[in-house]
Each structure stands twice: as C-alpha cells, then as structure tokens.
Amino acid sequence: MVVEDHQAKVFTVFGPLVGDAQWTQRVERAREQGRNLTLCTVRSEVDARVMMRDLAARGFARSEYAIL
C-alpha cells in the first residue's frame, strides 16, 4: 500500500498487508482534517517499484517515517 501526501510531496509504503481497513480509516480521518492524501493498493513488488519511480519523477520523496 502506498500513501501519498500531495501537500508535502512525500509518500510512504506499507506492507505487505493482510487488510487495508486500518489504513483506509486513517487516510479518511486525515482528509477530514484537511490533508490531501491518496491511498493506493499495490498488488506486487514490481508494481510498487514502478509506482515509486513514477512518484519520484513527479517530485515526490519517499518518507523514512510514517506520514499518518
């Protein structure tokens, strides 16, 4: 799972996960507080690497820390 913070231009990767309900709820709460977040489920490590390269090309940095 990849969470993107569009205001801070950072992203973080969580997983592998069995379920995403906890993260979906956290993103919803953060959005209610005015944060501009996107949550994406990634099916494989290859897809995650492709997504991370795309985010880096768009100016996002990978966060060493959880952004939620």
PDB file of N, CA and C in Angstrom:
ATOM      1  N   MET A   1       0.835  -1.151   0.000  1.00  0.00           N
ATOM      2  CA  MET A   1       0.000   0.000   0.000  1.00  0.00           C
ATOM      3  C   MET A   1       0.897   1.235   0.000  1.00  0.00           C
ATOM      4  N   VAL A   2       0.525   2.226  -0.793  1.00  0.00           N
ATOM      5  CA  VAL A   2       1.294   3.465  -0.880  1.00  0.00           C
ATOM      6  C   VAL A   2       0.378   4.620  -0.487  1.00  0.00           C
ATOM      7  N   VAL A   3       0.833   5.442   0.442  1.00  0.00           N
ATOM      8  CA  VAL A   3       0.110   6.642   0.844  1.00  0.00           C
ATOM      9  C   VAL A   3       0.908   7.835   0.358  1.00  0.00           C
ATOM     10  N   GLU A   4       0.235   8.719  -0.383  1.00  0.00           N
ATOM     11  CA  GLU A   4       0.878   9.923  -0.924  1.00  0.00           C
ATOM     12  C   GLU A   4       0.327  11.157  -0.207  1.00  0.00           C
ATOM     13  N   ASP A   5       1.213  12.035   0.222  1.00  0.00           N
ATOM     14  CA  ASP A   5       0.830  13.326   0.794  1.00  0.00           C
ATOM     15  C   ASP A   5       1.151  14.373  -0.261  1.00  0.00           C
ATOM     16  N   HIS A   6       0.104  14.892  -0.896  1.00  0.00           N
ATOM     17  CA  HIS A   6       0.295  15.805  -2.028  1.00  0.00           C
ATOM     18  C   HIS A   6       0.771  17.199  -1.602  1.00  0.00           C
ATOM     19  N   GLN A   7       0.495  17.600  -0.381  1.00  0.00           N
ATOM     20  CA  GLN A   7       0.951  18.906   0.093  1.00  0.00           C
ATOM     21  C   GLN A   7       2.448  18.879   0.409  1.00  0.00           C
ATOM     22  N   ALA A   8       2.883  17.831   1.088  1.00  0.00           N
ATOM     23  CA  ALA A   8       4.295  17.724   1.478  1.00  0.00           C
ATOM     24  C   ALA A   8       5.148  17.086   0.387  1.00  0.00           C
ATOM     25  N   LYS A   9       4.497  16.537  -0.650  1.00  0.00           N
ATOM     26  CA  LYS A   9       5.194  15.865  -1.766  1.00  0.00           C
ATOM     27  C   LYS A   9       6.054  14.705  -1.264  1.00  0.00           C
ATOM     28  N   VAL A  10       5.478  13.909  -0.354  1.00  0.00           N
ATOM     29  CA  VAL A  10       6.147  12.717   0.149  1.00  0.00           C
ATOM     30  C   VAL A  10       5.194  11.527   0.029  1.00  0.00           C
ATOM     31  N   PHE A  11       5.783  10.332   0.044  1.00  0.00           N
ATOM     32  CA  PHE A  11       4.977   9.124   0.066  1.00  0.00           C
ATOM     33  C   PHE A  11       5.635   8.115   0.983  1.00  0.00           C
ATOM     34  N   THR A  12       4.844   7.150   1.424  1.00  0.00           N
ATOM     35  CA  THR A  12       5.365   6.060   2.244  1.00  0.00           C
ATOM     36  C   THR A  12       4.717   4.767   1.790  1.00  0.00           C
ATOM     37  N   VAL A  13       5.431   3.678   1.999  1.00  0.00           N
ATOM     38  CA  VAL A  13       4.961   2.362   1.575  1.00  0.00           C
ATOM     39  C   VAL A  13       4.738   1.510   2.819  1.00  0.00           C
ATOM     40  N   PHE A  14       3.571   0.878   2.902  1.00  0.00           N
ATOM     41  CA  PHE A  14       3.249  -0.030   3.997  1.00  0.00           C
ATOM     42  C   PHE A  14       3.032  -1.420   3.413  1.00  0.00           C
ATOM     43  N   GLY A  15       3.495  -2.425   4.104  1.00  0.00           N
ATOM     44  CA  GLY A  15       3.163  -3.762   3.645  1.00  0.00           C
ATOM     45  C   GLY A  15       4.341  -4.695   3.693  1.00  0.00           C
ATOM     46  N   PRO A  16       4.092  -5.890   3.349  1.00  0.00           N
ATOM     47  CA  PRO A  16       2.812  -6.405   2.849  1.00  0.00           C
ATOM     48  C   PRO A  16       1.756  -6.425   3.955  1.00  0.00           C
ATOM     49  N   LEU A  17       0.506  -6.238   3.537  1.00  0.00           N
ATOM     50  CA  LEU A  17      -0.616  -6.170   4.468  1.00  0.00           C
ATOM     51  C   LEU A  17      -1.614  -7.279   4.180  1.00  0.00           C
ATOM     52  N   VAL A  18      -2.291  -7.719   5.227  1.00  0.00           N
ATOM     53  CA  VAL A  18      -3.381  -8.683   5.063  1.00  0.00           C
ATOM     54  C   VAL A  18      -4.661  -7.927   4.748  1.00  0.00           C
ATOM     55  N   GLY A  19      -4.863  -6.787   5.408  1.00  0.00           N
ATOM     56  CA  GLY A  19      -6.053  -5.971   5.190  1.00  0.00           C
ATOM     57  C   GLY A  19      -5.690  -4.509   5.223  1.00  0.00           C
ATOM     58  N   ASP A  20      -6.491  -3.687   4.550  1.00  0.00           N
ATOM     59  CA  ASP A  20      -6.172  -2.263   4.483  1.00  0.00           C
ATOM     60  C   ASP A  20      -7.172  -1.375   5.212  1.00  0.00           C
ATOM     61  N   ALA A  21      -8.113  -1.963   5.946  1.00  0.00           N
ATOM     62  CA  ALA A  21      -9.157  -1.179   6.608  1.00  0.00           C
ATOM     63  C   ALA A  21      -8.577  -0.137   7.562  1.00  0.00           C
ATOM     64  N   GLN A  22      -7.576  -0.519   8.333  1.00  0.00           N
ATOM     65  CA  GLN A  22      -6.955   0.403   9.293  1.00  0.00           C
ATOM     66  C   GLN A  22      -6.374   1.619   8.566  1.00  0.00           C
ATOM     67  N   TRP A  23      -5.679   1.390   7.450  1.00  0.00           N
ATOM     68  CA  TRP A  23      -5.041   2.479   6.721  1.00  0.00           C
ATOM     69  C   TRP A  23      -6.074   3.340   6.005  1.00  0.00           C
ATOM     70  N   THR A  24      -7.121   2.709   5.497  1.00  0.00           N
ATOM     71  CA  THR A  24      -8.192   3.460   4.841  1.00  0.00           C
ATOM     72  C   THR A  24      -8.837   4.414   5.841  1.00  0.00           C
ATOM     73  N   GLN A  25      -9.089   3.943   7.051  1.00  0.00           N
ATOM     74  CA  GLN A  25      -9.676   4.789   8.092  1.00  0.00           C
ATOM     75  C   GLN A  25      -8.750   5.941   8.460  1.00  0.00           C
ATOM     76  N   ARG A  26      -7.470   5.673   8.575  1.00  0.00           N
ATOM     77  CA  ARG A  26      -6.510   6.737   8.912  1.00  0.00           C
ATOM     78  C   ARG A  26      -6.477   7.810   7.822  1.00  0.00           C
ATOM     79  N   VAL A  27      -6.489   7.383   6.568  1.00  0.00           N
ATOM     80  CA  VAL A  27      -6.486   8.347   5.464  1.00  0.00           C
ATOM     81  C   VAL A  27      -7.767   9.163   5.480  1.00  0.00           C
ATOM     82  N   GLU A  28      -8.912   8.523   5.716  1.00  0.00           N
ATOM     83  CA  GLU A  28     -10.181   9.247   5.780  1.00  0.00           C
ATOM     84  C   GLU A  28     -10.166  10.299   6.886  1.00  0.00           C
ATOM     85  N   ARG A  29      -9.652   9.933   8.060  1.00  0.00           N
ATOM     86  CA  ARG A  29      -9.568  10.907   9.170  1.00  0.00           C
ATOM     87  C   ARG A  29      -8.649  12.067   8.809  1.00  0.00           C
ATOM     88  N   ALA A  30      -7.520  11.768   8.189  1.00  0.00           N
ATOM     89  CA  ALA A  30      -6.588  12.830   7.799  1.00  0.00           C
ATOM     90  C   ALA A  30      -7.220  13.751   6.766  1.00  0.00           C
ATOM     91  N   ARG A  31      -7.983  13.198   5.830  1.00  0.00           N
ATOM     92  CA  ARG A  31      -8.681  14.023   4.835  1.00  0.00           C
ATOM     93  C   ARG A  31      -9.709  14.932   5.505  1.00  0.00           C
ATOM     94  N   GLU A  32     -10.409  14.406   6.501  1.00  0.00           N
ATOM     95  CA  GLU A  32     -11.380  15.215   7.242  1.00  0.00           C
ATOM     96  C   GLU A  32     -10.705  16.397   7.930  1.00  0.00           C
ATOM     97  N   GLN A  33      -9.425  16.244   8.250  1.00  0.00           N
ATOM     98  CA  GLN A  33      -8.667  17.316   8.893  1.00  0.00           C
ATOM     99  C   GLN A  33      -8.003  18.230   7.876  1.00  0.00           C
ATOM    100  N   GLY A  34      -8.312  18.030   6.586  1.00  0.00           N
ATOM    101  CA  GLY A  34      -7.829  18.939   5.555  1.00  0.00           C
ATOM    102  C   GLY A  34      -6.580  18.500   4.811  1.00  0.00           C
ATOM    103  N   ARG A  35      -6.077  17.305   5.081  1.00  0.00           N
ATOM    104  CA  ARG A  35      -4.879  16.843   4.379  1.00  0.00           C
ATOM    105  C   ARG A  35      -5.247  16.277   3.016  1.00  0.00           C
ATOM    106  N   ASN A  36      -4.378  16.455   2.049  1.00  0.00           N
ATOM    107  CA  ASN A  36      -4.586  15.979   0.689  1.00  0.00           C
ATOM    108  C   ASN A  36      -3.781  14.693   0.502  1.00  0.00           C
ATOM    109  N   LEU A  37      -4.409  13.557   0.810  1.00  0.00           N
ATOM    110  CA  LEU A  37      -3.746  12.263   0.765  1.00  0.00           C
ATOM    111  C   LEU A  37      -4.397  11.356  -0.265  1.00  0.00           C
ATOM    112  N   THR A  38      -3.601  10.476  -0.831  1.00  0.00           N
ATOM    113  CA  THR A  38      -4.078   9.438  -1.728  1.00  0.00           C
ATOM    114  C   THR A  38      -3.583   8.101  -1.197  1.00  0.00           C
ATOM    115  N   LEU A  39      -4.434   7.105  -1.260  1.00  0.00           N
ATOM    116  CA  LEU A  39      -4.109   5.759  -0.817  1.00  0.00           C
ATOM    117  C   LEU A  39      -4.241   4.818  -2.010  1.00  0.00           C
ATOM    118  N   CYS A  40      -3.180   4.067  -2.305  1.00  0.00           N
ATOM    119  CA  CYS A  40      -3.188   3.141  -3.440  1.00  0.00           C
ATOM    120  C   CYS A  40      -2.769   1.754  -2.969  1.00  0.00           C
ATOM    121  N   THR A  41      -3.543   0.761  -3.362  1.00  0.00           N
ATOM    122  CA  THR A  41      -3.173  -0.620  -3.096  1.00  0.00           C
ATOM    123  C   THR A  41      -2.317  -1.109  -4.249  1.00  0.00           C
ATOM    124  N   VAL A  42      -1.212  -1.711  -3.915  1.00  0.00           N
ATOM    125  CA  VAL A  42      -0.271  -2.213  -4.917  1.00  0.00           C
ATOM    126  C   VAL A  42      -0.262  -3.734  -4.809  1.00  0.00           C
ATOM    127  N   ARG A  43      -0.372  -4.413  -5.918  1.00  0.00           N
ATOM    128  CA  ARG A  43      -0.513  -5.867  -5.915  1.00  0.00           C
ATOM    129  C   ARG A  43       0.810  -6.637  -5.838  1.00  0.00           C
ATOM    130  N   SER A  44       1.893  -6.031  -6.275  1.00  0.00           N
ATOM    131  CA  SER A  44       3.169  -6.760  -6.277  1.00  0.00           C
ATOM    132  C   SER A  44       4.327  -5.804  -6.022  1.00  0.00           C
ATOM    133  N   GLU A  45       5.485  -6.369  -5.733  1.00  0.00           N
ATOM    134  CA  GLU A  45       6.682  -5.546  -5.534  1.00  0.00           C
ATOM    135  C   GLU A  45       7.066  -4.819  -6.814  1.00  0.00           C
ATOM    136  N   VAL A  46       6.854  -5.468  -7.942  1.00  0.00           N
ATOM    137  CA  VAL A  46       7.164  -4.836  -9.231  1.00  0.00           C
ATOM    138  C   VAL A  46       6.284  -3.605  -9.419  1.00  0.00           C
ATOM    139  N   ASP A  47       4.987  -3.736  -9.128  1.00  0.00           N
ATOM    140  CA  ASP A  47       4.081  -2.590  -9.245  1.00  0.00           C
ATOM    141  C   ASP A  47       4.477  -1.478  -8.282  1.00  0.00           C
ATOM    142  N   ALA A  48       4.907  -1.849  -7.079  1.00  0.00           N
ATOM    143  CA  ALA A  48       5.336  -0.853  -6.095  1.00  0.00           C
ATOM    144  C   ALA A  48       6.558  -0.091  -6.595  1.00  0.00           C
ATOM    145  N   ARG A  49       7.513  -0.803  -7.182  1.00  0.00           N
ATOM    146  CA  ARG A  49       8.718  -0.134  -7.705  1.00  0.00           C
ATOM    147  C   ARG A  49       8.360   0.821  -8.842  1.00  0.00           C
ATOM    148  N   VAL A  50       7.453   0.399  -9.717  1.00  0.00           N
ATOM    149  CA  VAL A  50       7.012   1.265 -10.822  1.00  0.00           C
ATOM    150  C   VAL A  50       6.343   2.509 -10.260  1.00  0.00           C
ATOM    151  N   MET A  51       5.478   2.329  -9.270  1.00  0.00           N
ATOM    152  CA  MET A  51       4.777   3.468  -8.672  1.00  0.00           C
ATOM    153  C   MET A  51       5.761   4.418  -7.992  1.00  0.00           C
ATOM    154  N   MET A  52       6.754   3.875  -7.285  1.00  0.00           N
ATOM    155  CA  MET A  52       7.730   4.721  -6.602  1.00  0.00           C
ATOM    156  C   MET A  52       8.570   5.519  -7.603  1.00  0.00           C
ATOM    157  N   ARG A  53       8.937   4.900  -8.715  1.00  0.00           N
ATOM    158  CA  ARG A  53       9.675   5.631  -9.760  1.00  0.00           C
ATOM    159  C   ARG A  53       8.824   6.755 -10.333  1.00  0.00           C
ATOM    160  N   ASP A  54       7.536   6.473 -10.557  1.00  0.00           N
ATOM    161  CA  ASP A  54       6.636   7.488 -11.091  1.00  0.00           C
ATOM    162  C   ASP A  54       6.491   8.651 -10.112  1.00  0.00           C
ATOM    163  N   LEU A  55       6.327   8.338  -8.845  1.00  0.00           N
ATOM    164  CA  LEU A  55       6.206   9.396  -7.837  1.00  0.00           C
ATOM    165  C   LEU A  55       7.479  10.237  -7.764  1.00  0.00           C
ATOM    166  N   ALA A  56       8.623   9.587  -7.805  1.00  0.00           N
ATOM    167  CA  ALA A  56       9.896  10.319  -7.772  1.00  0.00           C
ATOM    168  C   ALA A  56      10.011  11.231  -8.992  1.00  0.00           C
ATOM    169  N   ALA A  57       9.576  10.757 -10.145  1.00  0.00           N
ATOM    170  CA  ALA A  57       9.626  11.574 -11.360  1.00  0.00           C
ATOM    171  C   ALA A  57       8.692  12.777 -11.257  1.00  0.00           C
ATOM    172  N   ARG A  58       7.645  12.665 -10.447  1.00  0.00           N
ATOM    173  CA  ARG A  58       6.700  13.777 -10.246  1.00  0.00           C
ATOM    174  C   ARG A  58       7.102  14.680  -9.084  1.00  0.00           C
ATOM    175  N   GLY A  59       8.286  14.438  -8.504  1.00  0.00           N
ATOM    176  CA  GLY A  59       8.801  15.318  -7.458  1.00  0.00           C
ATOM    177  C   GLY A  59       8.506  14.883  -6.041  1.00  0.00           C
ATOM    178  N   PHE A  60       7.986  13.685  -5.858  1.00  0.00           N
ATOM    179  CA  PHE A  60       7.717  13.177  -4.514  1.00  0.00           C
ATOM    180  C   PHE A  60       8.974  12.506  -3.961  1.00  0.00           C
ATOM    181  N   ALA A  61       9.134  12.562  -2.643  1.00  0.00           N
ATOM    182  CA  ALA A  61      10.246  11.891  -1.965  1.00  0.00           C
ATOM    183  C   ALA A  61       9.666  10.815  -1.052  1.00  0.00           C
ATOM    184  N   ARG A  62      10.379   9.716  -0.945  1.00  0.00           N
ATOM    185  CA  ARG A  62       9.925   8.660  -0.037  1.00  0.00           C
ATOM    186  C   ARG A  62      10.257   9.045   1.383  1.00  0.00           C
ATOM    187  N   SER A  63       9.272   8.986   2.253  1.00  0.00           N
ATOM    188  CA  SER A  63       9.465   9.331   3.652  1.00  0.00           C
ATOM    189  C   SER A  63      10.026   8.146   4.422  1.00  0.00           C
ATOM    190  N   GLU A  64      10.996   8.409   5.253  1.00  0.00           N
ATOM    191  CA  GLU A  64      11.555   7.386   6.130  1.00  0.00           C
ATOM    192  C   GLU A  64      10.596   7.089   7.290  1.00  0.00           C
ATOM    193  N   TYR A  65       9.653   7.993   7.499  1.00  0.00           N
ATOM    194  CA  TYR A  65       8.730   7.901   8.619  1.00  0.00           C
ATOM    195  C   TYR A  65       7.300   7.743   8.105  1.00  0.00           C
ATOM    196  N   ALA A  66       6.450   7.135   8.908  1.00  0.00           N
ATOM    197  CA  ALA A  66       5.030   7.018   8.558  1.00  0.00           C
ATOM    198  C   ALA A  66       4.423   8.409   8.469  1.00  0.00           C
ATOM    199  N   ILE A  67       3.669   8.668   7.424  1.00  0.00           N
ATOM    200  CA  ILE A  67       3.089  10.015   7.253  1.00  0.00           C
ATOM    201  C   ILE A  67       1.677  10.107   7.795  1.00  0.00           C
ATOM    202  N   LEU A  68       1.216   9.031   8.419  1.00  0.00           N
ATOM    203  CA  LEU A  68      -0.097   9.049   9.058  1.00  0.00           C
ATOM    204  C   LEU A  68       0.039   8.898  10.538  1.00  0.00           C
TER     205      LEU A  68
END
